[in-house]
Structure formats: structure tokens, C-alpha cells
Protein backbone atom coordinates (compact mmCIF):
# COMPACT_ATOMS: atom_id res chain seq x y z
CA MET A 1 14.73 12.77 6.49
CA ARG A 2 12.11 10.15 6.01
CA SER A 3 12.49 8.33 2.71
CA LEU A 4 8.75 7.84 2.17
CA VAL A 5 8.03 11.50 2.70
CA VAL A 6 10.96 12.69 0.60
CA ALA A 7 9.69 10.51 -2.22
CA LEU A 8 6.27 12.10 -2.09
CA ILE A 9 7.68 15.61 -1.83
CA ALA A 10 9.41 14.80 -5.09
CA LEU A 11 6.00 14.77 -6.79
CA SER A 12 6.13 18.52 -7.22
CA PHE A 13 9.39 18.21 -9.11
CA LEU A 14 8.36 15.15 -11.12
CA SER A 15 5.26 16.91 -12.36
CA CYS A 16 7.49 19.56 -13.96
CA LYS A 17 9.76 17.09 -15.75
CA SER A 18 8.78 15.79 -19.15
CA THR A 19 11.91 13.93 -20.31
CA HIS A 20 14.81 11.98 -18.88
CA LYS A 21 17.40 9.51 -20.11
CA LEU A 22 15.34 6.35 -20.11
CA SER A 23 15.53 5.78 -23.86
CA HIS A 24 19.33 5.90 -23.70
CA GLU A 25 19.98 4.20 -20.38
CA PHE A 26 17.34 1.51 -20.65
CA ASP A 27 17.15 -0.15 -24.03
CA LEU A 28 16.36 -3.69 -22.78
CA ARG A 29 18.99 -5.43 -24.86
CA ASP A 30 18.73 -9.19 -25.16
CA GLY A 31 22.08 -9.55 -23.45
CA GLY A 32 22.76 -8.84 -19.80
CA GLU A 33 22.21 -10.96 -16.76
CA ARG A 34 21.46 -8.25 -14.22
CA MET A 35 18.48 -8.96 -11.98
CA SER A 36 17.57 -7.09 -8.83
CA GLU A 37 16.21 -10.13 -6.96
CA THR A 38 15.14 -13.75 -7.22
CA ARG A 39 12.13 -14.38 -9.47
CA PHE A 40 9.56 -17.14 -9.13
CA VAL A 41 10.26 -19.79 -11.80
CA SER A 42 8.42 -22.90 -10.55
CA THR A 43 7.42 -24.83 -7.42
CA ARG A 44 9.11 -27.48 -5.27
CA HIS A 45 7.93 -29.65 -2.39
CA ILE A 46 9.37 -28.73 1.02
CA ASP A 47 10.95 -32.19 1.23
CA SER A 48 13.01 -31.66 -1.95
CA VAL A 49 14.65 -28.27 -1.36
CA ASP A 50 17.96 -27.16 0.13
CA VAL A 51 16.68 -25.63 3.37
CA ALA A 52 19.85 -23.53 3.70
CA ALA A 53 18.92 -21.70 0.49
CA LEU A 54 15.42 -20.59 1.56
CA LYS A 55 14.04 -17.13 2.14
CA ALA A 56 10.55 -15.82 2.89
CA ASP A 57 8.66 -12.68 1.93
CA VAL A 58 5.25 -11.04 2.10
CA TRP A 59 4.35 -10.59 -1.55
CA LYS A 60 0.94 -8.97 -1.00
CA LEU A 61 -0.83 -7.48 2.04
CA GLU A 62 -4.54 -6.64 2.17
CA HIS A 63 -5.70 -4.28 4.91
CA TYR A 64 -9.01 -3.10 3.43
CA SER A 65 -10.93 -4.82 6.29
CA TYR A 66 -8.85 -3.27 9.09
CA PRO A 67 -9.45 -3.41 12.03
CA ASP A 68 -11.47 -6.59 11.55
CA SER A 69 -8.89 -8.56 9.58
CA ILE A 70 -5.57 -8.53 7.73
CA ARG A 71 -4.59 -10.88 4.89
CA LEU A 72 -0.92 -11.67 4.17
CA PHE A 73 0.14 -13.42 0.96
CA VAL A 74 3.40 -15.13 1.87
CA ARG A 75 5.96 -16.92 -0.30
CA VAL A 76 8.84 -19.19 0.69
CA LEU A 77 11.44 -19.41 -2.09
CA ASP A 78 14.89 -20.84 -2.63
CA THR A 79 17.71 -18.92 -4.29
CA ASN A 80 16.92 -20.49 -7.66
CA GLY A 81 13.40 -19.05 -7.70
CA TYR A 82 11.46 -22.16 -6.71
CA VAL A 83 8.45 -21.42 -4.50
CA VAL A 84 8.23 -24.03 -1.75
CA THR A 85 4.94 -25.91 -1.35
CA HIS A 86 3.28 -28.30 1.13
CA MET A 87 4.02 -26.23 4.22
CA ALA A 88 0.43 -25.56 5.33
CA ALA A 89 -3.08 -27.02 5.20
CA PRO A 90 -4.58 -28.55 3.19
CA TYR A 91 -1.41 -29.81 1.47
CA LYS A 92 1.01 -30.25 4.37
CA LYS A 93 1.63 -33.91 5.07
CA GLN A 94 0.47 -35.41 8.35
CA GLY A 95 3.06 -35.18 11.12
CA ALA A 96 4.99 -32.31 9.50
CA PRO A 97 6.14 -29.50 11.82
CA ASP A 98 4.40 -26.16 12.24
CA TYR A 99 6.32 -24.06 9.73
CA PHE A 100 4.58 -20.80 10.70
CA PRO A 101 4.59 -20.73 14.53
CA ILE A 102 4.60 -17.02 15.43
CA LEU A 103 2.99 -13.84 14.07
CA THR A 104 3.95 -10.50 15.60
CA GLU A 105 2.93 -6.91 14.89
CA HIS A 106 5.30 -4.05 15.79
CA LEU A 107 3.41 -0.79 16.24
CA GLY A 108 5.11 2.50 15.41
CA VAL A 109 8.77 3.29 14.83
CA ARG A 110 9.85 5.14 17.95
CA ARG A 111 12.29 3.58 20.36
CA LYS A 112 9.38 2.70 22.63
CA LYS A 113 7.40 0.97 19.90
CA LYS A 114 5.12 -1.80 21.07
CA SER A 115 5.29 -5.41 19.89
CA VAL A 116 2.15 -7.56 20.02
CA ASP A 117 2.12 -11.31 19.45
CA VAL A 118 -1.01 -12.32 17.54
CA SER A 119 -2.49 -15.17 19.54
CA SER A 120 -4.68 -16.57 16.81
CA PHE A 121 -4.04 -16.67 13.07
CA ARG A 122 -4.76 -19.03 10.21
CA VAL A 123 -2.42 -20.18 7.43
CA ARG A 124 -3.89 -21.75 4.31
CA GLU A 125 -1.88 -22.83 1.26
CA TYR A 126 -3.09 -22.02 -2.26
CA GLY A 127 -1.71 -23.49 -5.49
CA GLU A 128 -2.47 -24.05 -9.15
CA GLN A 129 -5.12 -26.65 -8.32
CA ASP A 130 -7.22 -24.22 -6.27
CA SER A 131 -8.27 -22.18 -9.32
CA VAL A 132 -9.04 -19.02 -7.31
CA PRO A 133 -10.11 -16.36 -9.85
CA THR A 134 -7.67 -13.48 -10.16
CA ASN A 135 -8.55 -10.07 -11.61
CA ILE A 136 -5.63 -8.19 -13.11
CA ALA A 137 -5.61 -4.68 -14.57
CA LEU A 138 -2.57 -3.83 -16.70
CA ALA A 139 -1.49 -0.20 -17.11
CA ILE A 140 1.10 0.48 -19.80
CA ASP A 141 2.91 3.77 -20.32
CA CYS A 142 3.03 4.38 -24.09
CA SER A 143 4.69 7.80 -24.01
CA GLY A 144 7.83 8.67 -25.94
CA SER A 145 10.06 8.25 -22.89
CA MET A 146 9.28 4.52 -22.96
CA LYS A 147 10.58 4.06 -26.51
CA GLY A 148 13.47 1.84 -25.42
CA ALA A 149 11.15 -0.52 -23.55
CA LYS A 150 8.21 -0.72 -25.97
CA GLU A 151 9.16 -3.90 -27.83
CA SER A 152 9.79 -5.87 -24.65
CA ILE A 153 6.69 -4.57 -22.89
CA ASP A 154 4.56 -5.48 -25.90
CA HIS A 155 6.05 -8.96 -25.92
CA GLY A 156 5.66 -9.30 -22.17
CA ALA A 157 2.04 -8.12 -22.23
CA GLU A 158 1.18 -10.80 -24.80
CA LEU A 159 2.98 -13.36 -22.67
CA PHE A 160 1.03 -12.20 -19.63
CA ILE A 161 -2.30 -12.49 -21.45
CA GLY A 162 -1.33 -15.91 -22.77
CA LEU A 163 -0.71 -17.22 -19.25
CA LYS A 164 -4.31 -16.51 -18.24
CA ARG A 165 -6.38 -19.38 -16.90
CA PRO A 166 -10.06 -19.71 -17.86
CA CYS A 167 -11.08 -18.42 -14.42
CA ASP A 168 -8.93 -15.27 -14.58
CA ASN A 169 -9.92 -11.83 -15.88
CA ILE A 170 -7.62 -9.19 -17.36
CA SER A 171 -8.07 -5.59 -18.52
CA LEU A 172 -5.48 -3.43 -20.27
CA THR A 173 -5.24 0.35 -20.32
CA ALA A 174 -2.60 2.24 -22.30
CA TYR A 175 -1.80 5.90 -21.78
CA HIS A 176 0.36 8.80 -22.85
CA LYS A 177 -1.36 12.16 -23.40
CA GLU A 178 -4.51 10.19 -24.15
CA ILE A 179 -5.87 7.26 -22.14
CA LYS A 180 -7.30 4.23 -23.90
CA VAL A 181 -8.93 1.17 -22.34
CA VAL A 182 -7.61 -1.28 -24.93
CA PHE A 183 -9.95 -3.93 -23.58
CA PRO A 184 -12.12 -4.01 -20.44
CA LEU A 185 -12.02 -6.79 -17.86
CA SER A 186 -12.41 -10.00 -19.82
CA ASN A 187 -11.62 -13.73 -19.80
CA ASP A 188 -11.57 -14.07 -23.61
CA THR A 189 -7.88 -14.58 -24.39
CA GLY A 190 -8.29 -14.48 -28.15
CA SER A 191 -10.24 -11.24 -28.12
CA MET A 192 -7.76 -9.60 -25.73
CA LEU A 193 -4.78 -10.50 -27.93
CA ARG A 194 -6.49 -9.17 -31.06
CA GLU A 195 -7.37 -5.87 -29.39
CA PHE A 196 -3.86 -5.42 -27.99
CA ARG A 197 -2.10 -6.29 -31.27
CA GLU A 198 -4.22 -3.75 -33.07
CA TYR A 199 -3.53 -1.04 -30.48
CA LYS A 200 0.23 -1.52 -30.36
CA LYS A 201 0.45 -0.46 -34.03
CA ASN A 202 -0.23 3.09 -32.85
CA SER A 203 2.62 5.53 -32.42
CA GLN A 204 3.73 6.61 -28.97
CA GLY A 205 2.68 9.94 -27.49
CA LEU A 206 4.89 12.87 -26.51
CA PHE A 207 3.39 13.61 -23.09
CA THR A 208 2.48 11.45 -20.11
CA ALA A 209 -0.62 11.37 -17.90
CA THR A 210 0.61 8.58 -15.64
CA TYR A 211 -1.65 9.21 -12.63
CA ASP A 212 -4.77 9.69 -14.77
CA GLY A 213 -3.88 6.47 -16.58
CA ILE A 214 -3.42 4.48 -13.39
CA LEU A 215 -6.73 5.69 -11.93
CA LYS A 216 -8.54 4.79 -15.16
CA THR A 217 -6.93 1.34 -14.99
CA LEU A 218 -8.11 0.82 -11.40
CA GLN A 219 -11.65 1.73 -12.43
CA THR A 220 -11.79 -1.27 -14.77
CA LEU A 221 -11.91 -3.40 -11.58
CA LYS A 222 -14.75 -1.47 -9.91
CA ASP A 223 -17.37 -4.19 -10.35
CA VAL A 224 -15.24 -7.03 -8.95
CA PRO A 225 -16.42 -8.19 -5.48
CA LEU A 226 -14.36 -6.73 -2.66
CA ASP A 227 -13.10 -10.09 -1.38
CA GLN A 228 -11.80 -11.36 -4.73
CA PRO A 229 -8.05 -10.96 -5.46
CA LYS A 230 -7.47 -7.78 -7.48
CA VAL A 231 -4.18 -6.32 -8.62
CA CYS A 232 -3.10 -3.48 -10.86
CA VAL A 233 0.23 -3.93 -12.63
CA VAL A 234 1.81 -0.67 -13.82
CA PHE A 235 4.63 -0.56 -16.37
CA ALA A 236 6.01 2.98 -16.31
CA ASP A 237 9.10 5.11 -15.80
CA GLY A 238 7.58 7.61 -13.38
CA ASP A 239 7.39 10.41 -15.96
CA GLU A 240 4.40 12.67 -15.28
CA ASN A 241 3.53 16.03 -16.84
CA LEU A 242 -0.19 16.09 -17.60
CA SER A 243 -2.44 14.46 -14.96
CA SER A 244 -5.13 16.14 -12.92
CA THR A 245 -5.23 13.04 -10.65
CA LYS A 246 -3.09 13.06 -7.50
CA VAL A 247 -1.23 10.11 -6.05
CA SER A 248 -3.48 10.34 -2.98
CA ASP A 249 -6.54 9.93 -5.24
CA ILE A 250 -5.10 6.67 -6.59
CA PHE A 251 -4.34 5.43 -3.08
CA GLU A 252 -7.85 6.27 -1.85
CA TYR A 253 -9.50 4.43 -4.74
CA ALA A 254 -7.19 1.40 -4.48
CA THR A 255 -7.75 1.08 -0.73
CA LYS A 256 -11.53 1.45 -1.01
CA HIS A 257 -11.71 -1.28 -3.67
CA ASN A 258 -9.03 -3.59 -2.21
CA ILE A 259 -6.64 -3.30 -5.16
CA SER A 260 -2.93 -3.91 -4.63
CA ILE A 261 -0.65 -2.04 -7.02
CA TYR A 262 2.49 -3.60 -8.50
CA CYS A 263 4.75 -1.11 -10.23
CA VAL A 264 7.56 -2.06 -12.61
CA GLY A 265 10.17 0.66 -13.02
CA PHE A 266 12.90 0.69 -15.63
CA GLY A 267 16.64 1.19 -15.23
CA TYR A 268 17.23 4.46 -13.41
CA ALA A 269 13.73 5.81 -13.88
CA GLN A 270 12.50 8.55 -11.54
CA ASP A 271 9.61 6.61 -10.08
CA GLU A 272 9.63 7.18 -6.31
CA PRO A 273 5.87 7.92 -6.13
CA LEU A 274 5.17 4.61 -7.85
CA GLN A 275 7.27 2.84 -5.25
CA ASP A 276 5.17 4.46 -2.53
CA LEU A 277 1.92 3.40 -4.20
CA SER A 278 3.18 -0.19 -4.15
CA LEU A 279 4.11 0.04 -0.47
CA TYR A 280 0.93 1.72 0.77
CA THR A 281 -1.49 -0.49 -1.19
CA GLY A 282 0.13 -3.74 -0.06
CA GLY A 283 1.69 -4.52 -3.42
CA LYS A 284 5.29 -4.81 -4.57
CA TYR A 285 7.75 -2.69 -6.51
CA TYR A 286 10.00 -4.19 -9.19
CA ARG A 287 12.86 -2.66 -11.15
CA ALA A 288 13.92 -4.08 -14.51
CA TYR A 289 17.30 -3.51 -16.16
CA THR A 290 17.28 -6.03 -19.00
CA LYS A 291 14.78 -7.71 -21.31
CA ARG A 292 15.38 -10.98 -19.50
CA ASP A 293 14.59 -9.35 -16.17
CA LEU A 294 11.42 -7.70 -17.47
CA LEU A 295 10.00 -10.96 -18.79
CA ALA A 296 10.95 -12.68 -15.52
CA ILE A 297 8.96 -10.00 -13.66
CA PHE A 298 5.87 -10.70 -15.76
CA LEU A 299 6.12 -14.37 -14.88
CA ASP A 300 6.91 -13.67 -11.21
CA ILE A 301 3.75 -11.58 -10.80
CA TYR A 302 1.44 -14.07 -12.46
CA ARG A 303 2.86 -17.18 -10.81
CA SER A 304 2.80 -15.52 -7.40
CA LEU A 305 -0.92 -14.84 -7.82
CA ARG A 306 -1.42 -18.60 -8.08
CA ASN A 307 0.94 -19.96 -5.40
CA TYR A 308 1.05 -18.53 -1.88
CA TYR A 309 0.34 -19.03 1.81
CA LEU A 310 -2.60 -16.92 2.94
CA VAL A 311 -2.31 -15.75 6.55
CA THR A 312 -5.44 -14.19 8.07
CA TYR A 313 -5.79 -12.62 11.51
CA THR A 314 -7.36 -9.84 13.55
CA PRO A 315 -4.78 -7.07 14.08
CA PRO A 316 -4.21 -4.88 17.12
CA ARG A 317 -5.74 -1.42 16.79
CA TYR A 318 -3.14 1.26 16.21
CA GLU A 319 -3.41 4.40 14.08
CA GLY A 320 0.12 4.33 12.77
CA LEU A 321 2.68 2.11 11.08
CA HIS A 322 2.17 -1.64 11.48
CA THR A 323 5.16 -3.90 10.79
CA VAL A 324 4.06 -7.54 10.47
CA ASP A 325 6.59 -10.32 11.11
CA LEU A 326 5.65 -13.92 10.35
CA THR A 327 8.15 -16.43 11.74
CA VAL A 328 8.97 -19.20 9.26
CA ASP A 329 10.63 -22.13 11.02
CA VAL A 330 12.07 -24.90 8.84
CA PRO A 331 14.08 -27.60 10.66
CA GLY A 332 17.75 -27.59 9.74
CA ARG A 333 18.22 -23.85 9.28
CA ASP A 334 17.96 -20.51 11.09
CA THR A 335 14.54 -18.95 11.60
CA MET A 336 13.30 -16.76 8.74
CA ILE A 337 11.04 -13.71 8.94
CA ALA A 338 8.51 -12.74 6.26
CA ARG A 339 7.86 -9.02 6.79
CA GLY A 340 5.08 -6.75 5.57
CA LEU A 341 4.04 -3.16 6.31
CA TYR A 342 0.81 -1.22 6.32
CA GLU A 343 -0.02 2.31 7.42
CA LYS A 344 -3.10 3.54 9.31
CA THR A 345 -2.23 7.07 10.40
CA PRO A 346 -4.28 9.97 8.99
CA LEU A 347 -0.98 11.86 8.63
CA SER A 348 0.17 9.64 5.79
CA PRO A 349 0.79 11.69 2.63
CA MET A 350 -1.53 9.23 0.88
CA ASP A 351 -4.46 10.16 3.15
CA VAL A 352 -6.73 12.75 1.54
CA ARG A 353 -8.40 13.99 4.73
CA ASP A 354 -7.91 17.66 5.68
CA GLU A 355 -8.90 16.99 9.29
CA PHE A 356 -9.61 14.15 11.69
CA SER A 357 -10.98 13.73 15.21
CA LYS A 358 -9.57 11.92 18.22
CA PRO A 359 -11.58 10.86 21.31
CA ILE A 360 -9.24 12.48 23.82
CA LEU A 361 -10.83 12.43 27.29
CA PHE A 362 -10.51 15.13 29.96
CA ALA A 363 -11.40 15.43 33.61
CA PHE A 364 -14.89 16.90 34.08
CA ASN A 365 -14.91 20.66 33.37
CA GLN A 366 -11.11 20.67 33.32
CA SER A 367 -8.27 20.65 30.79
CA VAL A 368 -6.43 17.73 32.43
CA ILE A 369 -6.08 14.86 29.95
CA ASP A 370 -7.29 11.50 31.22
CA THR A 371 -4.56 8.84 31.32
CA ALA A 372 -6.82 6.58 29.24
CA SER A 373 -6.09 8.87 26.28
CA PHE A 374 -2.30 8.77 26.55
CA PHE A 375 -2.06 6.00 23.94
CA ILE A 376 -3.73 8.30 21.39
CA LEU A 377 -1.11 10.96 22.02
CA ASP A 378 1.64 8.34 21.73
CA GLU A 379 0.29 7.24 18.34
CA LEU A 380 0.03 10.80 17.09
CA SER A 381 3.48 11.85 18.28
CA ASP A 382 4.97 8.75 16.64
CA ALA A 383 3.34 9.68 13.33
CA LEU A 384 4.45 13.31 13.62
CA GLU A 385 8.01 12.13 14.16
CA ARG A 386 7.92 10.13 10.93
CA TYR A 387 6.09 12.71 8.84
CA ASP A 388 8.11 15.68 9.96
CA ARG A 389 6.73 18.20 7.44
CA VAL A 390 3.20 17.94 8.84
CA VAL A 391 1.79 21.00 10.63
CA LEU A 392 -1.44 20.63 12.63
CA GLU A 393 -4.04 22.92 14.13
CA VAL A 394 -5.36 21.43 17.38
CA GLN A 395 -9.01 22.38 17.83
CA GLY A 396 -10.97 22.06 21.07
CA HIS A 397 -14.77 21.55 20.98
CA THR A 398 -17.28 21.26 23.84
CA ASP A 399 -20.97 20.53 24.36
CA ASN A 400 -23.47 23.29 25.22
CA ILE A 401 -23.50 22.89 29.00
CA GLY A 402 -22.47 26.25 30.47
CA THR A 403 -22.05 29.71 29.00
CA GLU A 404 -20.51 30.48 25.62
CA GLU A 405 -17.60 32.34 27.24
CA TYR A 406 -16.89 29.49 29.68
CA ASN A 407 -16.87 26.83 26.94
CA MET A 408 -14.71 28.94 24.65
CA THR A 409 -12.11 29.26 27.41
CA LEU A 410 -12.35 25.56 28.30
CA SER A 411 -11.98 24.44 24.67
CA GLN A 412 -8.91 26.63 24.18
CA ALA A 413 -7.35 25.30 27.39
CA ARG A 414 -7.95 21.70 26.25
CA ALA A 415 -6.39 22.37 22.86
CA GLU A 416 -3.37 23.86 24.64
CA ALA A 417 -3.20 20.79 26.90
CA VAL A 418 -3.08 18.48 23.87
CA LYS A 419 -0.35 20.60 22.30
CA SER A 420 1.69 20.51 25.52
CA ALA A 421 1.30 16.73 25.76
CA LEU A 422 2.59 16.30 22.20
CA VAL A 423 5.49 18.67 22.79
CA HIS A 424 6.33 16.68 25.93
CA ARG A 425 6.53 13.61 23.67
CA GLY A 426 9.09 15.27 21.41
CA VAL A 427 7.00 17.13 18.81
CA ASP A 428 8.35 20.55 17.79
CA ALA A 429 5.97 23.19 19.17
CA THR A 430 6.22 25.24 15.95
CA ARG A 431 4.38 22.45 14.12
CA LEU A 432 1.27 22.83 16.30
CA ARG A 433 -1.34 25.60 16.40
CA THR A 434 -4.25 25.73 18.86
CA ARG A 435 -7.78 27.06 18.62
CA GLY A 436 -10.85 26.73 20.82
CA PHE A 437 -14.35 26.71 19.32
CA GLY A 438 -16.48 26.13 22.43
CA PHE A 439 -19.88 24.77 21.39
CA MET A 440 -20.04 26.78 18.15
CA MET A 441 -19.42 23.81 15.81
CA PRO A 442 -21.38 20.76 17.01
CA VAL A 443 -21.34 17.64 14.83
CA VAL A 444 -24.74 16.55 16.17
CA PRO A 445 -27.51 18.36 18.09
CA ASN A 446 -26.80 18.74 21.81
CA ASP A 447 -30.12 17.07 22.70
CA SER A 448 -28.88 13.99 24.60
CA GLU A 449 -25.91 12.91 26.69
CA GLU A 450 -24.81 10.60 23.91
CA ASN A 451 -24.77 13.45 21.41
CA ARG A 452 -23.09 15.85 23.82
CA ALA A 453 -20.30 13.30 24.26
CA LYS A 454 -19.79 13.30 20.48
CA ASN A 455 -19.48 17.07 20.49
CA ARG A 456 -16.82 17.01 23.22
CA ARG A 457 -13.94 16.25 20.88
CA THR A 458 -10.46 17.21 19.74
CA VAL A 459 -10.10 17.86 16.02
CA PHE A 460 -6.78 18.01 14.18
CA ARG A 461 -6.75 20.10 11.02
CA VAL A 462 -3.87 19.42 8.62
CA LEU A 463 -2.29 22.73 7.67
CA ARG A 464 0.62 21.20 5.76
CA LYS A 465 1.74 17.74 4.65
């Protein structure tokens, strides 16, 4: 029902598959003009473009500092692949219009979703002359199923390394059954090329540990400061039959270390989990059908790391899906929208938590939910609607004021009240269990009012995702 969830459910099937038709369907011939979208080829000044041919996108989204800040990496391109420059400080000419007038966040996906205009945000343009260091970790699938793509990936990887500026750092990890860090994070272009050329002489493996390989690739960026741009670029077909690592482990590590993942899939590869990793980590998913398209993707990724509009702002708090719309207003054409997404619900299949707490308030010594907590129930019901395989146990907990029997009854009644409130908001009752624990499981000693307030809580245990 929900495409993101269906994709992740597919993991159980993907892990059982070891071969598919990639080597026959995707041989990256030199011929062929098929491309899935416009690629970044160069830059053009805003005054020298056909404004009717423009479009805007969010190429990267960083939410590691939520709820304090969000960072959008925005591009404005024309249909020929030229990224448009001089639309924001410090390069916008004096007297030019405000090209980025409105930023809006849409919270949730239900019909009653809330839209919030962000009153204050900053747009700063970055280009080649800014020389902001970029840290890039390449992950290359070298299993037998990638045979048809090997020559082009090898060529593209060398091209990618050759584009490196002195301030940039690159690592490269190759994997099949075995995982090999071909070279760690480095800025020595000559050394990197020598190490890679030596490695690519090796034969390809028969099995694939894609998720183990991606996690190992991410770990080559572990010492990079959190606020420096970091990306992992994965070239794979989605084949997986050997890893002990889960997709949620990769997501947790990438989010903790502020690493956006860019996955390049091939032809009709079965790579839905890789698409989800790109979405949830603020990266981008590409699909290549021809050699020309694959090499264009390499260039698109690298050039986009050097030329962008950085939008920073403080987001509204909402534990659910955030859809970010940046209005791009260029005189002489219709308004454009650059859109990005990020997810903050604990029900996301990428979230590794087995349980989470919510500060749901009740009337004193009663099971009547305070109206101040209704927004929490709205957030949770919205997430349950999207992730419709999730089953929760609603647990009530109290402080130690009163008898054990009284608090056990009160905690059960409060858990039932939360369940009823969610059912009233459209959640299927069969997806919710209730259980009262009274004061038997405090999180802190009940030795102060502050601590007793922490113990009066509602906990949601995830029984199924």
C-alpha cells in the first residue's frame, strides 16, 4: 500500500535471491541515448539562460541537527543540464530580485496535514571558487552480477578520482563476498589511482554482501567532522545474499555521522532498499541504462557537490514526515518548487528502536487525556496510517504515589485511553495492544516531583514493523 514500506518488506525476498538478469539486460553499450533525467554539465549565469527551460530540485538534505536546523542543497537547472548561478549572496548582483522568497514545511500526509511557513531562512550560494572540502566514499559492487557494468564502472571511478580537487578527500571500498578498502580517505590522487588500478585486476566474486560493504564504506568517513559535507556513492544492482548488516544499521550510522547516500542502480536492477536509503539519508537515487548515462551520473554527482544553493533554517517540530517546499521565483516564468523530504517518526522501518516514549498528559489521577497532548496522537496516527504493517503495544506507567493496585489500574486505564484516541483517529484497533505497569518499571528513582513526572509516561513497544 505504501511504496516505501513495500520496498523495505522486499528485503526479505531480496536476501534470498543471488542472481538476476543484470548481465544480460544491462551491458552498458557505447550506443544508446536513454537517460532518466537531466544531468549537470556546466554552469550558466541567471542572466544568460532561457527562463522558460528552468527547473529546481533539492539535491541533498541534511537533517542530522534536527530540531535545531535543516540544511537544503538546492540546484536550479535548465533542460540542457546547465546549473544556474548568481541567484543568491554573495554572487547575486545588486538590485536583482529575491529568487527564493518562500520556504514551507508540510507536516504529515493525512488530509488534515499542517503547512507551516518558515519565517526566517538563509540562502547562500556556493561555487567552484569557494573550495569547500568534500569527503566522498565510493562503494563498488564487484560481484558476478555486475559483470556487464564492470568496464564502465572502472572507467567512471577513475574519472571520478581524476576530478578531485586538492581540498577533496576520497575513499574507495569494493565488495562481493569479501570486502576490501581499496584505499582509505585520502587526497593523494596519484596514490588512489595506483591502488584502484591494481585492485581492478582481481576477478569478480560469486556472492554479494552489499549491506556489509556499504556500512564498511561509511566507516571510512568516521573521523570527518560532523559539519563537513560527506557523501557515500554506491554503485550496485541491489543483489544481496550474504550480509549480517541490516538496512536499518546503515541508516542509523549514516544519520549519526551526517552522511548522505547516493545510490546508482543499473537497468532493471532490484534495488528498492537502496532507493530508500537514498531517500531517508537525504541523498539521491540514480538509475543508469547506458554507458553514456553512467558517466554522466558520475559527473552530475561531483559537479553538484561543488555548485549549489545552501538553505538553512530552524524547522517546526513534528515527529513524522516533513515535506519541504522552497519557492523559486524567476521573473518571466511560472513559480517553481524545489522539494525535499525527511522523516522523523520512530515508526520508520529505518528506525532501529524497539520502543519509544511519548509525554502524553492526563488529568490528575484520571485517564482523561489532556488536550495539550492531542498533537502527539495526531502525529502518531498519521505515522500509523503510512506504515500500516506496524503493530504497537501501548504501555501505561505511573509514579509511586498511591497503592500498587491503584496505580496498576490507573496505568491500564490510561493505556486504554491512548488506544481509544488512536482508534478514534482512524487506526485499526487490531494493531494496538494495551498493558499497564503501574510503578513497577520506573526510569528514575521516585525521589522528587521532577523524577516522578518522568515516570508518569506512555511507552510504545513495536511488536511488528
